[in-house]
N, C-alpha and C. Protein backbone atom coordinates (compact mmCIF):
# COMPACT_ATOMS: atom_id res chain seq x y z
N MET A 1 -6.30 20.85 18.67
CA MET A 1 -6.42 19.86 19.58
C MET A 1 -4.69 20.04 19.61
N SER A 2 -4.06 20.30 20.52
CA SER A 2 -2.53 20.53 20.51
C SER A 2 -1.73 18.12 20.76
N ALA A 3 -0.63 18.57 19.88
CA ALA A 3 0.30 17.26 20.60
C ALA A 3 0.40 17.02 21.95
N GLU A 4 0.29 17.97 22.68
CA GLU A 4 0.36 17.05 24.18
C GLU A 4 -1.29 16.73 24.21
N ALA A 5 -2.48 17.20 24.14
CA ALA A 5 -3.33 16.37 24.51
C ALA A 5 -3.76 15.37 23.87
N VAL A 6 -3.25 14.86 22.31
CA VAL A 6 -3.05 13.82 21.51
C VAL A 6 -2.21 12.90 22.64
N GLY A 7 -1.03 13.59 23.04
CA GLY A 7 -0.05 11.98 23.25
C GLY A 7 -0.64 11.91 24.47
N ARG A 8 -1.39 12.19 25.24
CA ARG A 8 -1.71 12.22 26.12
C ARG A 8 -3.02 11.26 27.01
N HIS A 9 -3.39 11.09 25.36
CA HIS A 9 -4.13 9.89 25.59
C HIS A 9 -4.18 9.01 24.53
N MET A 10 -2.82 8.59 24.10
CA MET A 10 -1.89 7.50 23.44
C MET A 10 -1.53 6.25 24.30
N PRO A 11 -1.96 5.46 23.71
CA PRO A 11 -1.28 4.53 24.72
C PRO A 11 0.38 4.31 24.51
N THR A 12 0.60 3.65 25.25
CA THR A 12 2.09 3.49 24.98
C THR A 12 2.83 2.43 23.97
N VAL A 13 1.89 1.57 23.46
CA VAL A 13 2.25 0.31 22.65
C VAL A 13 0.35 0.50 22.27
N ILE A 14 0.75 0.84 20.38
CA ILE A 14 -0.06 0.63 19.51
C ILE A 14 -0.19 -0.58 18.62
N THR A 15 -1.82 -1.31 19.03
CA THR A 15 -1.85 -2.57 18.32
C THR A 15 -2.30 -2.09 16.85
N LEU A 16 -2.80 -3.40 15.87
CA LEU A 16 -3.62 -3.11 14.78
C LEU A 16 -5.47 -2.85 15.56
N ASP A 17 -5.66 -3.20 16.67
CA ASP A 17 -7.12 -2.49 17.39
C ASP A 17 -7.00 -0.93 17.32
N ASP A 18 -5.57 -1.01 17.82
CA ASP A 18 -6.14 0.85 18.39
C ASP A 18 -6.05 1.66 16.85
N LEU A 19 -5.75 0.94 16.00
CA LEU A 19 -5.12 2.06 14.63
C LEU A 19 -6.75 1.90 13.95
N THR A 20 -7.63 0.63 13.81
CA THR A 20 -8.73 0.23 13.62
C THR A 20 -9.67 1.31 14.13
N ALA A 21 -9.46 1.47 15.61
CA ALA A 21 -10.30 2.48 16.16
C ALA A 21 -10.22 4.32 16.35
N MET A 22 -8.91 4.49 15.46
CA MET A 22 -7.73 6.01 15.47
C MET A 22 -9.14 6.26 13.85
N MET A 23 -8.83 4.74 12.71
CA MET A 23 -10.02 5.62 11.57
C MET A 23 -10.58 5.12 11.44
N ALA A 24 -11.35 4.60 12.58
CA ALA A 24 -12.94 5.21 12.77
C ALA A 24 -13.48 6.15 13.07
N ALA A 25 -12.57 6.46 14.21
CA ALA A 25 -13.33 8.08 15.07
C ALA A 25 -12.91 9.04 14.06
N ASP A 26 -11.14 8.89 13.41
CA ASP A 26 -11.28 10.00 12.46
C ASP A 26 -11.08 9.43 11.00
N GLU A 27 -11.68 9.68 10.18
CA GLU A 27 -12.23 9.85 8.59
C GLU A 27 -10.84 10.71 7.76
N HIS A 28 -10.81 11.82 8.24
CA HIS A 28 -10.28 12.98 7.66
C HIS A 28 -8.51 12.55 7.68
N HIS A 29 -8.03 11.14 8.29
CA HIS A 29 -7.00 11.13 8.13
C HIS A 29 -6.55 8.95 7.39
N ARG A 30 -5.30 8.90 7.41
CA ARG A 30 -5.30 7.78 7.40
C ARG A 30 -3.96 7.27 8.36
N TYR A 31 -3.98 6.22 9.09
CA TYR A 31 -2.90 5.80 9.78
C TYR A 31 -2.92 4.47 9.41
N GLU A 32 -1.24 4.36 9.50
CA GLU A 32 -0.32 3.05 9.69
C GLU A 32 0.44 3.22 10.71
N ILE A 33 1.21 1.87 11.02
CA ILE A 33 2.35 1.20 11.94
C ILE A 33 2.93 0.59 11.43
N SER A 34 4.27 0.74 11.63
CA SER A 34 5.13 0.33 10.98
C SER A 34 6.07 -1.19 12.02
N PRO A 35 6.41 -2.60 11.35
CA PRO A 35 6.26 -3.19 12.11
C PRO A 35 7.35 -3.23 13.64
N GLU A 36 8.13 -1.63 13.31
CA GLU A 36 8.78 -1.25 14.55
C GLU A 36 7.82 -0.77 15.31
N GLY A 37 7.21 -0.17 15.36
CA GLY A 37 5.76 0.16 16.24
C GLY A 37 5.90 1.96 15.64
N VAL A 38 6.04 2.58 14.50
CA VAL A 38 6.21 3.71 14.34
C VAL A 38 4.94 4.10 13.45
N LEU A 39 4.14 5.28 14.54
CA LEU A 39 2.93 5.89 13.76
C LEU A 39 3.19 6.88 12.48
N SER A 40 1.95 6.34 11.66
CA SER A 40 2.21 7.32 10.79
C SER A 40 0.79 7.75 10.29
N VAL A 41 0.82 9.31 10.54
CA VAL A 41 -0.66 9.59 10.05
C VAL A 41 -0.69 10.50 8.78
N MET A 42 -1.41 10.28 7.85
CA MET A 42 -1.81 11.16 6.91
C MET A 42 -2.97 11.46 6.27
N PRO A 43 -2.81 12.75 5.29
CA PRO A 43 -4.12 13.06 5.37
C PRO A 43 -4.53 12.19 4.22
N PRO A 44 -6.11 12.68 3.89
CA PRO A 44 -6.92 11.53 2.77
C PRO A 44 -6.16 11.88 1.45
N ALA A 45 -6.12 11.14 0.57
CA ALA A 45 -5.77 11.06 -1.28
C ALA A 45 -5.90 12.37 -1.38
N GLY A 46 -5.75 12.92 -2.30
CA GLY A 46 -6.33 13.86 -3.35
C GLY A 46 -6.76 14.00 -4.30
N TYR A 47 -7.31 14.50 -5.88
CA TYR A 47 -7.73 14.09 -6.53
C TYR A 47 -7.20 13.36 -7.57
N THR A 48 -6.38 13.93 -7.72
CA THR A 48 -5.17 12.99 -8.64
C THR A 48 -5.16 12.21 -8.40
N HIS A 49 -4.12 11.78 -6.63
CA HIS A 49 -4.20 10.56 -6.40
C HIS A 49 -5.35 9.12 -6.12
N ALA A 50 -6.64 9.49 -6.76
CA ALA A 50 -8.07 8.84 -6.18
C ALA A 50 -7.87 8.18 -7.76
N ILE A 51 -7.28 9.77 -9.07
CA ILE A 51 -7.80 8.62 -10.10
C ILE A 51 -7.03 8.37 -10.59
N ILE A 52 -5.86 8.10 -10.39
CA ILE A 52 -4.76 7.40 -10.80
C ILE A 52 -5.02 6.01 -9.69
N ALA A 53 -5.97 6.08 -8.68
CA ALA A 53 -5.79 4.18 -8.01
C ALA A 53 -7.17 3.75 -8.75
N THR A 54 -8.32 4.66 -9.05
CA THR A 54 -9.49 4.02 -10.09
C THR A 54 -8.39 3.45 -11.42
N ARG A 55 -7.86 4.48 -12.12
CA ARG A 55 -7.60 4.03 -13.64
C ARG A 55 -7.25 2.73 -13.73
N LEU A 56 -6.00 2.54 -12.41
CA LEU A 56 -5.68 1.12 -12.61
C LEU A 56 -6.20 0.51 -12.33
N MET A 57 -7.31 0.47 -11.06
CA MET A 57 -8.26 -0.40 -10.66
C MET A 57 -8.86 -0.99 -12.01
N GLY A 58 -9.50 -0.02 -12.64
CA GLY A 58 -10.65 -0.56 -14.13
C GLY A 58 -9.85 -1.00 -14.98
N TRP A 59 -8.42 -1.16 -14.57
CA TRP A 59 -7.55 -1.61 -16.18
C TRP A 59 -6.89 -3.18 -15.61
N LEU A 60 -7.66 -3.36 -14.41
CA LEU A 60 -7.02 -4.89 -14.25
C LEU A 60 -8.23 -5.17 -14.57
N LEU A 61 -9.15 -4.44 -13.56
CA LEU A 61 -10.77 -4.95 -13.82
C LEU A 61 -11.06 -5.56 -15.12
N ALA A 62 -11.01 -5.04 -16.19
CA ALA A 62 -11.30 -5.10 -17.72
C ALA A 62 -10.58 -6.31 -18.36
N ALA A 63 -9.21 -6.29 -17.94
CA ALA A 63 -7.96 -7.43 -18.36
C ALA A 63 -8.70 -9.24 -17.53
N GLY A 64 -9.85 -8.62 -16.85
CA GLY A 64 -9.93 -9.83 -15.72
C GLY A 64 -10.02 -10.66 -14.97
N ILE A 65 -8.92 -9.61 -13.87
CA ILE A 65 -8.98 -9.67 -12.66
C ILE A 65 -10.02 -9.63 -11.57
N PRO A 66 -10.58 -10.68 -11.25
CA PRO A 66 -11.66 -10.35 -10.37
C PRO A 66 -12.10 -10.11 -9.49
N ALA A 67 -12.93 -8.96 -9.67
CA ALA A 67 -12.75 -8.06 -8.19
C ALA A 67 -12.82 -8.26 -6.70
N ASP A 68 -12.75 -10.07 -6.80
CA ASP A 68 -12.52 -9.78 -5.04
C ASP A 68 -11.07 -10.21 -4.82
N ARG A 69 -10.24 -9.82 -6.41
CA ARG A 69 -8.92 -10.10 -5.60
C ARG A 69 -8.14 -8.71 -5.78
N VAL A 70 -8.84 -7.49 -6.14
CA VAL A 70 -8.12 -6.65 -6.53
C VAL A 70 -9.25 -5.50 -4.76
N ALA A 71 -8.04 -4.49 -4.97
CA ALA A 71 -8.92 -3.97 -3.52
C ALA A 71 -7.95 -2.45 -3.02
N GLN A 72 -8.71 -1.65 -3.48
CA GLN A 72 -7.91 -0.24 -2.84
C GLN A 72 -8.22 0.17 -1.36
N ALA A 73 -6.69 0.48 -1.08
CA ALA A 73 -6.74 1.22 0.82
C ALA A 73 -6.98 0.06 1.49
N VAL A 74 -7.07 -0.85 0.98
CA VAL A 74 -6.98 -2.38 2.36
C VAL A 74 -5.74 -2.73 3.42
N GLY A 75 -6.62 -2.71 4.66
CA GLY A 75 -5.26 -2.44 5.74
C GLY A 75 -4.76 -4.21 5.05
N LEU A 76 -3.28 -3.71 5.25
CA LEU A 76 -1.78 -5.58 5.57
C LEU A 76 -1.22 -5.46 6.03
N ARG A 77 -1.63 -6.55 6.86
CA ARG A 77 -0.71 -6.93 8.37
C ARG A 77 1.08 -7.29 7.66
N ILE A 78 2.01 -6.56 8.46
CA ILE A 78 3.31 -6.47 7.40
C ILE A 78 4.18 -7.22 8.72
N PRO A 79 4.36 -8.22 8.89
CA PRO A 79 5.16 -8.94 10.07
C PRO A 79 6.94 -8.34 10.02
N GLY A 80 6.89 -7.57 11.13
CA GLY A 80 8.70 -7.49 11.20
C GLY A 80 9.49 -8.68 11.86
N VAL A 81 10.68 -7.91 11.50
CA VAL A 81 12.08 -9.43 11.76
C VAL A 81 12.28 -9.85 13.01
N THR A 82 11.96 -8.12 13.43
CA THR A 82 11.85 -8.63 15.39
C THR A 82 10.93 -9.55 15.87
N GLY A 83 9.78 -9.48 14.76
CA GLY A 83 8.09 -10.07 15.41
C GLY A 83 7.05 -9.83 15.94
N GLY A 84 7.59 -8.10 15.64
CA GLY A 84 6.40 -7.35 15.92
C GLY A 84 5.65 -7.51 14.13
N VAL A 85 4.15 -6.85 14.38
CA VAL A 85 3.36 -6.53 13.24
C VAL A 85 2.75 -5.09 13.23
N GLY A 86 2.84 -4.77 11.93
CA GLY A 86 2.91 -3.43 11.38
C GLY A 86 1.54 -3.22 10.60
N GLY A 87 0.36 -2.76 10.24
CA GLY A 87 -0.36 -2.32 9.57
C GLY A 87 -0.33 -1.19 8.57
N ARG A 88 0.26 -1.70 7.25
CA ARG A 88 0.37 -0.75 6.48
C ARG A 88 -1.17 -0.38 5.30
N ILE A 89 -1.40 0.41 4.51
CA ILE A 89 -2.64 0.52 3.80
C ILE A 89 -2.31 1.14 2.58
N PRO A 90 -1.86 0.46 1.69
CA PRO A 90 -1.43 0.56 -0.01
C PRO A 90 -2.43 0.81 -0.35
N ASP A 91 -2.21 1.57 -1.31
CA ASP A 91 -3.43 2.29 -2.67
C ASP A 91 -4.03 1.65 -3.31
N LEU A 92 -3.37 0.25 -3.70
CA LEU A 92 -3.82 -0.87 -4.28
C LEU A 92 -3.82 -2.28 -4.01
N VAL A 93 -4.14 -2.89 -4.14
CA VAL A 93 -3.44 -4.21 -3.53
C VAL A 93 -4.11 -5.55 -4.33
N VAL A 94 -3.42 -6.35 -5.66
CA VAL A 94 -3.77 -7.55 -6.17
C VAL A 94 -3.35 -9.06 -5.42
N TRP A 95 -4.21 -9.12 -5.17
CA TRP A 95 -4.33 -11.05 -4.23
C TRP A 95 -4.48 -12.15 -5.25
N SER A 96 -3.33 -13.81 -5.09
CA SER A 96 -3.86 -14.22 -6.12
C SER A 96 -5.01 -15.39 -5.70
N LYS A 97 -5.51 -14.87 -4.41
CA LYS A 97 -7.13 -15.46 -4.06
C LYS A 97 -7.60 -14.83 -3.87
N PRO A 98 -9.49 -14.31 -3.83
CA PRO A 98 -9.67 -14.02 -2.68
C PRO A 98 -9.57 -14.19 -1.09
N GLN A 99 -9.99 -13.33 -0.13
CA GLN A 99 -9.00 -12.95 0.60
C GLN A 99 -10.42 -13.36 2.22
N ALA A 100 -10.65 -13.42 2.58
CA ALA A 100 -11.64 -13.46 4.37
C ALA A 100 -11.46 -11.72 4.46
N GLU A 101 -12.76 -11.82 5.05
CA GLU A 101 -13.42 -10.34 5.53
C GLU A 101 -12.67 -10.04 6.93
N SER A 102 -11.92 -9.00 6.96
CA SER A 102 -10.63 -8.73 7.79
C SER A 102 -10.19 -7.37 7.96
N VAL A 103 -10.37 -6.41 9.19
CA VAL A 103 -10.04 -5.22 8.77
C VAL A 103 -8.21 -5.24 7.60
N TRP A 104 -7.33 -6.48 8.96
CA TRP A 104 -5.66 -6.35 8.11
C TRP A 104 -6.11 -8.02 8.04
N LEU A 105 -5.56 -7.71 6.45
CA LEU A 105 -4.88 -9.33 6.14
C LEU A 105 -3.75 -9.18 6.18
N PRO A 106 -3.63 -10.59 6.11
CA PRO A 106 -2.73 -11.18 6.00
C PRO A 106 -1.75 -10.81 4.59
N VAL A 107 -0.29 -11.07 4.92
CA VAL A 107 0.47 -10.90 3.09
C VAL A 107 0.52 -12.03 1.88
N ALA A 108 0.82 -13.33 2.93
CA ALA A 108 0.17 -14.03 2.58
C ALA A 108 -0.09 -14.64 0.55
N ASP A 109 -0.78 -14.23 0.26
CA ASP A 109 -1.38 -14.17 -1.03
C ASP A 109 -0.90 -12.38 -1.85
N VAL A 110 -0.71 -11.54 -1.49
CA VAL A 110 -0.68 -10.56 -1.88
C VAL A 110 0.24 -11.35 -3.42
N LEU A 111 -0.54 -10.58 -4.80
CA LEU A 111 0.73 -10.28 -5.55
C LEU A 111 1.55 -8.81 -6.06
N LEU A 112 0.63 -7.89 -5.73
CA LEU A 112 1.44 -6.74 -6.21
C LEU A 112 0.19 -5.66 -4.84
N ALA A 113 1.32 -4.58 -4.39
CA ALA A 113 0.90 -3.92 -3.62
C ALA A 113 1.73 -2.06 -4.07
N VAL A 114 0.80 -1.47 -4.42
CA VAL A 114 0.51 0.05 -5.01
C VAL A 114 1.04 0.86 -4.48
N GLU A 115 2.19 1.77 -4.27
CA GLU A 115 1.67 3.14 -3.57
C GLU A 115 1.61 3.93 -4.56
N ILE A 116 0.91 5.42 -4.41
CA ILE A 116 0.45 6.63 -5.62
C ILE A 116 1.30 7.38 -4.56
N ILE A 117 2.50 7.93 -4.91
CA ILE A 117 3.33 8.38 -3.84
C ILE A 117 2.75 10.30 -4.45
N SER A 118 2.56 10.12 -2.54
CA SER A 118 2.56 11.99 -2.60
C SER A 118 3.09 12.95 -1.98
N PRO A 119 3.00 13.97 -2.35
CA PRO A 119 4.13 14.77 -1.72
C PRO A 119 4.66 14.75 -0.05
N GLY A 120 3.87 14.36 1.18
CA GLY A 120 3.78 13.85 2.29
C GLY A 120 3.97 12.41 2.05
N SER A 121 4.59 11.76 1.32
CA SER A 121 4.66 10.30 1.72
C SER A 121 6.12 9.66 0.74
N ALA A 122 6.20 11.07 0.13
CA ALA A 122 7.49 10.04 -0.86
C ALA A 122 7.94 9.14 -0.20
N ALA A 123 9.62 9.79 0.85
CA ALA A 123 10.05 8.80 1.35
C ALA A 123 9.29 7.61 2.05
N MET A 124 8.44 7.47 2.47
CA MET A 124 7.52 6.35 3.33
C MET A 124 7.36 4.91 2.15
N ASP A 125 6.59 5.98 0.94
CA ASP A 125 6.73 4.82 0.11
C ASP A 125 8.20 4.34 -0.68
N THR A 126 8.86 5.38 -0.70
CA THR A 126 10.34 5.12 -1.68
C THR A 126 11.23 3.95 -0.85
N ALA A 127 11.50 3.91 0.62
CA ALA A 127 12.38 3.16 1.34
C ALA A 127 11.65 2.42 2.57
N ALA A 128 10.45 2.45 3.73
CA ALA A 128 9.86 2.23 4.45
C ALA A 128 8.92 1.11 4.05
N LYS A 129 8.27 1.14 3.48
CA LYS A 129 7.58 0.84 2.65
C LYS A 129 8.05 -0.35 2.01
N PRO A 130 8.74 0.06 0.85
CA PRO A 130 9.50 -1.33 0.15
C PRO A 130 10.26 -2.08 1.01
N ALA A 131 11.02 -2.19 2.10
CA ALA A 131 12.01 -2.33 2.70
C ALA A 131 11.37 -3.73 3.76
N GLU A 132 9.99 -3.41 4.20
CA GLU A 132 8.51 -3.56 4.99
C GLU A 132 7.87 -4.89 3.99
N TYR A 133 7.38 -4.54 2.65
CA TYR A 133 6.72 -4.83 1.94
C TYR A 133 8.21 -6.07 1.18
N ALA A 134 9.16 -6.29 0.94
CA ALA A 134 9.73 -6.64 0.60
C ALA A 134 10.56 -7.86 1.38
N GLY A 135 10.41 -7.27 3.19
CA GLY A 135 10.63 -8.52 4.15
C GLY A 135 9.43 -9.86 4.54
N ALA A 136 8.39 -9.22 3.83
CA ALA A 136 7.52 -9.49 3.77
C ALA A 136 7.24 -10.60 2.78
N GLY A 137 7.70 -10.12 1.73
CA GLY A 137 7.53 -11.34 0.65
C GLY A 137 6.93 -10.87 -0.48
N ILE A 138 6.32 -9.79 -0.57
CA ILE A 138 4.93 -9.16 -1.71
C ILE A 138 6.20 -9.79 -2.92
N PRO A 139 5.28 -10.16 -3.72
CA PRO A 139 6.54 -10.90 -5.23
C PRO A 139 7.17 -9.18 -6.32
N GLN A 140 5.80 -8.50 -6.02
CA GLN A 140 5.98 -6.94 -7.00
C GLN A 140 5.63 -6.03 -6.34
N TYR A 141 6.13 -4.46 -6.32
CA TYR A 141 5.78 -3.42 -5.55
C TYR A 141 6.11 -2.05 -6.82
N TRP A 142 4.62 -1.60 -6.79
CA TRP A 142 5.24 -0.29 -7.68
C TRP A 142 4.60 1.00 -6.44
N THR A 143 5.57 1.78 -7.21
CA THR A 143 5.40 3.36 -6.96
C THR A 143 4.58 3.79 -8.48
N ILE A 144 3.88 5.09 -8.19
CA ILE A 144 2.98 5.88 -9.58
C ILE A 144 3.52 7.20 -8.76
N ASP A 145 4.02 7.96 -9.58
CA ASP A 145 4.48 9.61 -9.26
C ASP A 145 3.49 10.38 -9.32
N GLN A 146 3.20 11.39 -8.86
CA GLN A 146 2.59 12.55 -9.67
C GLN A 146 2.25 13.38 -10.21
N ASP A 147 3.55 12.66 -11.40
CA ASP A 147 4.34 13.70 -12.18
C ASP A 147 3.12 14.11 -13.53
N PRO A 148 3.61 14.32 -14.71
CA PRO A 148 2.60 15.00 -15.17
C PRO A 148 2.71 13.35 -16.08
N GLY A 149 3.80 12.37 -15.82
CA GLY A 149 4.04 11.51 -16.89
C GLY A 149 2.82 10.35 -16.20
N GLN A 150 2.70 10.74 -15.08
CA GLN A 150 2.57 8.96 -13.58
C GLN A 150 2.97 8.16 -13.78
N THR A 151 4.72 8.27 -13.35
CA THR A 151 6.00 7.69 -14.00
C THR A 151 5.01 6.37 -13.00
N VAL A 152 5.16 4.97 -13.95
CA VAL A 152 5.43 3.90 -12.69
C VAL A 152 6.59 3.09 -12.43
N THR A 153 7.05 3.07 -11.62
CA THR A 153 8.47 1.63 -11.36
C THR A 153 7.68 0.97 -11.10
N MET A 154 8.60 -0.13 -11.26
CA MET A 154 8.00 -1.80 -10.91
C MET A 154 9.30 -2.17 -10.40
N TYR A 155 8.86 -2.76 -9.65
CA TYR A 155 10.28 -3.09 -8.53
C TYR A 155 9.68 -4.91 -8.83
N ARG A 156 10.68 -5.90 -8.61
CA ARG A 156 10.42 -7.02 -8.35
C ARG A 156 11.38 -7.85 -7.22
N LEU A 157 10.69 -8.70 -6.70
CA LEU A 157 11.97 -9.38 -5.21
C LEU A 157 12.83 -9.67 -5.79
N ASP A 158 13.50 -9.30 -4.95
CA ASP A 158 14.75 -10.53 -5.85
C ASP A 158 15.51 -10.87 -4.21
N GLY A 159 15.43 -12.23 -3.42
CA GLY A 159 15.55 -12.72 -2.27
C GLY A 159 14.72 -11.83 -1.70
N THR A 160 15.45 -11.30 -0.71
CA THR A 160 15.01 -9.92 0.26
C THR A 160 14.79 -8.51 0.11
N ARG A 161 14.62 -8.90 -0.95
CA ARG A 161 15.07 -6.88 -1.63
C ARG A 161 14.75 -6.81 -3.02
N TYR A 162 14.27 -5.18 -3.23
CA TYR A 162 13.55 -5.44 -4.56
C TYR A 162 14.46 -4.70 -5.78
N GLN A 163 14.27 -5.07 -6.45
CA GLN A 163 15.39 -4.34 -8.30
C GLN A 163 14.44 -3.75 -8.55
N ALA A 164 14.30 -2.75 -9.15
CA ALA A 164 13.97 -1.96 -9.67
C ALA A 164 13.91 -2.69 -11.35
N GLY A 165 12.42 -2.44 -12.08
CA GLY A 165 12.53 -2.77 -13.30
C GLY A 165 12.07 -2.21 -14.27
N ALA A 166 11.71 -2.42 -14.83
CA ALA A 166 11.11 -0.75 -15.77
C ALA A 166 10.63 0.28 -15.14
N THR A 167 10.06 1.54 -15.68
CA THR A 167 9.67 2.13 -15.54
C THR A 167 8.81 3.09 -16.50
N MET A 168 7.41 3.48 -16.26
CA MET A 168 7.15 4.04 -17.98
C MET A 168 6.14 5.11 -17.65
N PRO A 169 5.38 5.64 -18.04
CA PRO A 169 4.12 6.44 -17.78
C PRO A 169 2.74 5.72 -17.81
N LEU A 170 2.25 5.56 -16.97
CA LEU A 170 0.88 5.01 -16.43
C LEU A 170 0.09 4.23 -17.88
N ALA A 171 0.10 5.95 -18.70
CA ALA A 171 -0.74 5.46 -20.16
C ALA A 171 -0.24 4.20 -20.60
N TRP A 172 1.46 4.16 -20.65
CA TRP A 172 2.28 2.93 -21.33
C TRP A 172 1.50 1.62 -20.45
N VAL A 173 1.55 1.66 -19.30
CA VAL A 173 0.71 0.56 -18.27
C VAL A 173 0.11 -0.01 -19.00
N LEU A 174 -1.09 0.90 -19.01
CA LEU A 174 -2.80 0.35 -19.56
C LEU A 174 -3.20 0.14 -20.80
N ASN A 175 -1.64 0.21 -21.36
CA ASN A 175 -1.92 -0.40 -23.15
C ASN A 175 -1.37 -1.29 -23.47
N THR A 176 -0.65 -2.36 -21.66
CA THR A 176 -0.64 -4.11 -22.06
C THR A 176 -1.44 -4.18 -21.24
N ALA A 177 -1.33 -5.38 -20.88
CA ALA A 177 -2.35 -6.75 -20.72
C ALA A 177 -1.42 -6.78 -19.03
N PRO A 178 -2.42 -7.15 -18.07
CA PRO A 178 -1.69 -7.23 -16.08
C PRO A 178 -0.66 -8.59 -16.89
N GLY A 179 -0.93 -9.47 -17.56
CA GLY A 179 -0.41 -10.54 -17.86
C GLY A 179 1.08 -10.57 -18.04
N GLU A 180 1.79 -9.30 -18.93
CA GLU A 180 2.75 -8.99 -18.99
C GLU A 180 3.86 -8.77 -17.91
N HIS A 181 2.74 -8.32 -16.44
CA HIS A 181 3.67 -7.82 -15.89
C HIS A 181 3.26 -8.53 -14.55
N GLY A 182 3.55 -10.15 -14.82
CA GLY A 182 2.94 -11.36 -14.40
C GLY A 182 1.90 -11.26 -12.47
N LEU A 183 0.79 -10.55 -13.58
CA LEU A 183 -0.79 -10.68 -13.18
C LEU A 183 -1.60 -11.22 -13.43
N ASP A 184 -1.58 -12.32 -13.43
CA ASP A 184 -2.39 -13.38 -14.32
C ASP A 184 -3.74 -13.56 -12.89
């Protein structure tokens, strides 16, 4: 299908309901939208990406974080500074308490959002999303590179911006307790 054919059927303004319908109709892509209305279309995660997310989730669960406070690839409502609402799908989210069933969850109780950087998402994961997550008040943001060490960079919210903290291989993180990183 051509871009012209797709564009002809695209709504003028895309809502979170539109994104939900797009994802239901297309299991081969992940759709997100910035609070300003910029649509992003990404291919599904690859094997290495999925294994990193699974290892991190297993670590959290084994450390006693309740399963209803951790989720992979769940939608978050990201409020914008101009009143718009975006929808982002972090690779992993940790909440301070269980959430109500919804496609797009609020960010109020999010303790940590994690993005595993894929070749096509590096700019989004290191520039756009950190700014949006910080603006939404998410206290911690981690990125994980798919390099040989699977390098984790941990950011903490300092006012309205993230400050880079520790950077270490994922294997090292998995040998610590989540409480050491503020995830109790």
